[in-house]
Amino acid sequence: MENAYLLLEYQQPPKRVIIGNYTLAEAAPRRIELPPGNYTVIADIGGRNLTYTVTLKPGQTLRLVVGQATVNTQKAATNPIYIFASAVLAIVAAAAYILLRGIPRRRQLARGQSHS
């Protein structure tokens, strides 16, 4: 049976990488030959373990980008669109507050007792 290849691309250098039962040192090779099958890839980057699941087929070459932002761990707050929308909302809220504070309020006229 023909082996498969896993191409690793790192956004940050990992301390270690674990692929299935294989533990690789910090200088993990970028191209790894493995028998076909399912593998769990765990990368220790900056004290965080990032976990990926890959399925390799005979003769396949699979590229895996290992980094902080992945499909499974990416949060909506880190998306540039949400950051931009949050900034715009904060600016609009601040402008509304300044505008409302700057408009003098009409003072209520004192009402005396009725003389009827």
Protein backbone atom coordinates (compact mmCIF):
# COMPACT_ATOMS: atom_id res chain seq x y z
CA MET A 1 0.00 0.00 0.00
CA GLU A 2 1.30 3.44 -0.95
CA ASN A 3 2.07 5.90 1.86
CA ALA A 4 0.61 9.41 2.17
CA TYR A 5 2.34 12.71 2.89
CA LEU A 6 1.40 15.40 5.38
CA LEU A 7 2.77 18.86 4.61
CA LEU A 8 2.91 21.05 7.72
CA GLU A 9 3.00 24.84 7.51
CA TYR A 10 3.52 26.71 10.76
CA GLN A 11 2.33 30.25 11.44
CA GLN A 12 4.45 30.20 14.60
CA PRO A 13 7.24 27.80 15.51
CA PRO A 14 5.86 24.97 17.67
CA LYS A 15 7.52 23.61 20.81
CA ARG A 16 6.49 20.10 19.76
CA VAL A 17 4.13 18.34 17.41
CA ILE A 18 2.37 15.01 18.06
CA ILE A 19 0.93 13.10 15.10
CA GLY A 20 -0.94 10.01 16.22
CA ASN A 21 1.62 7.96 18.18
CA TYR A 22 4.59 9.92 16.80
CA THR A 23 6.06 12.80 18.82
CA LEU A 24 8.23 15.22 16.91
CA ALA A 25 10.67 17.67 18.44
CA GLU A 26 10.45 21.43 17.95
CA ALA A 27 12.16 21.10 14.57
CA ALA A 28 9.34 19.03 13.11
CA PRO A 29 9.86 18.31 9.44
CA ARG A 30 7.51 20.04 7.09
CA ARG A 31 6.89 16.91 5.00
CA ILE A 32 6.05 13.70 6.85
CA GLU A 33 5.47 10.32 5.23
CA LEU A 34 2.77 8.30 6.99
CA PRO A 35 0.73 5.20 6.29
CA PRO A 36 -2.87 5.95 5.21
CA GLY A 37 -5.35 6.41 8.05
CA ASN A 38 -6.86 8.87 10.52
CA TYR A 39 -4.50 10.96 12.63
CA THR A 40 -4.82 13.50 15.40
CA VAL A 41 -2.26 16.27 15.11
CA ILE A 42 -1.50 18.22 18.31
CA ALA A 43 0.80 21.24 18.12
CA ASP A 44 2.08 23.04 21.22
CA ILE A 45 2.32 26.69 20.18
CA GLY A 46 2.82 29.38 22.77
CA GLY A 47 1.64 27.15 25.62
CA ARG A 48 -1.60 26.27 23.80
CA ASN A 49 -2.34 22.87 22.32
CA LEU A 50 -3.97 23.13 18.92
CA THR A 51 -5.66 19.92 17.78
CA TYR A 52 -6.45 18.89 14.21
CA THR A 53 -7.90 15.68 12.80
CA VAL A 54 -6.71 14.55 9.36
CA THR A 55 -7.52 11.57 7.16
CA LEU A 56 -4.79 10.43 4.80
CA LYS A 57 -5.53 8.25 1.77
CA PRO A 58 -2.94 6.20 -0.17
CA GLY A 59 -0.77 8.45 -2.35
CA GLN A 60 -2.41 11.63 -1.03
CA THR A 61 -0.47 14.76 -0.10
CA LEU A 62 -2.37 16.83 2.46
CA ARG A 63 -1.39 20.38 3.46
CA LEU A 64 -2.13 21.44 7.05
CA VAL A 65 -1.61 25.02 8.23
CA VAL A 66 -0.80 24.96 11.94
CA GLY A 67 -1.31 28.26 13.75
CA GLN A 68 -3.33 30.21 16.26
CA ALA A 69 -6.46 30.76 14.14
CA THR A 70 -8.14 27.65 12.82
CA VAL A 71 -11.63 26.80 11.70
CA ASN A 72 -12.35 24.98 14.98
CA THR A 73 -10.90 27.56 17.37
CA GLN A 74 -11.51 30.84 15.63
CA LYS A 75 -13.87 33.09 17.55
CA ALA A 76 -16.20 35.65 16.02
CA ALA A 77 -14.50 38.40 18.04
CA THR A 78 -11.23 37.87 16.14
CA ASN A 79 -12.89 38.28 12.75
CA PRO A 80 -11.89 41.67 11.22
CA ILE A 81 -15.50 42.39 10.23
CA TYR A 82 -16.69 42.04 13.84
CA ILE A 83 -13.80 44.15 15.12
CA PHE A 84 -14.66 46.88 12.60
CA ALA A 85 -18.38 46.73 13.44
CA SER A 86 -17.60 46.93 17.17
CA ALA A 87 -15.38 49.98 16.63
CA VAL A 88 -18.05 51.73 14.54
CA LEU A 89 -20.69 50.96 17.17
CA ALA A 90 -18.46 52.36 19.93
CA ILE A 91 -17.84 55.58 17.94
CA VAL A 92 -21.57 56.03 17.24
CA ALA A 93 -22.42 55.47 20.91
CA ALA A 94 -19.77 57.98 22.02
CA ALA A 95 -20.99 60.56 19.50
CA ALA A 96 -24.60 60.11 20.64
CA TYR A 97 -23.58 60.54 24.28
CA ILE A 98 -21.61 63.72 23.54
CA LEU A 99 -24.44 65.11 21.43
CA LEU A 100 -27.08 64.42 24.07
CA ARG A 101 -24.93 65.85 26.86
CA GLY A 102 -24.35 69.03 24.84
CA ILE A 103 -28.06 69.81 24.28
CA PRO A 104 -29.34 71.91 27.18
CA ARG A 105 -32.50 70.61 28.74
CA ARG A 106 -35.55 72.79 29.05
CA ARG A 107 -36.00 73.69 32.64
CA GLN A 108 -39.28 72.91 34.18
CA LEU A 109 -41.21 76.03 35.15
CA ALA A 110 -41.92 76.27 38.82
CA ARG A 111 -45.55 75.76 39.55
CA GLY A 112 -46.90 77.66 42.40
CA GLN A 113 -50.05 76.96 44.28
CA SER A 114 -53.29 77.57 42.51
CA HIS A 115 -55.07 80.77 43.59
CA SER A 116 -58.52 79.85 42.47
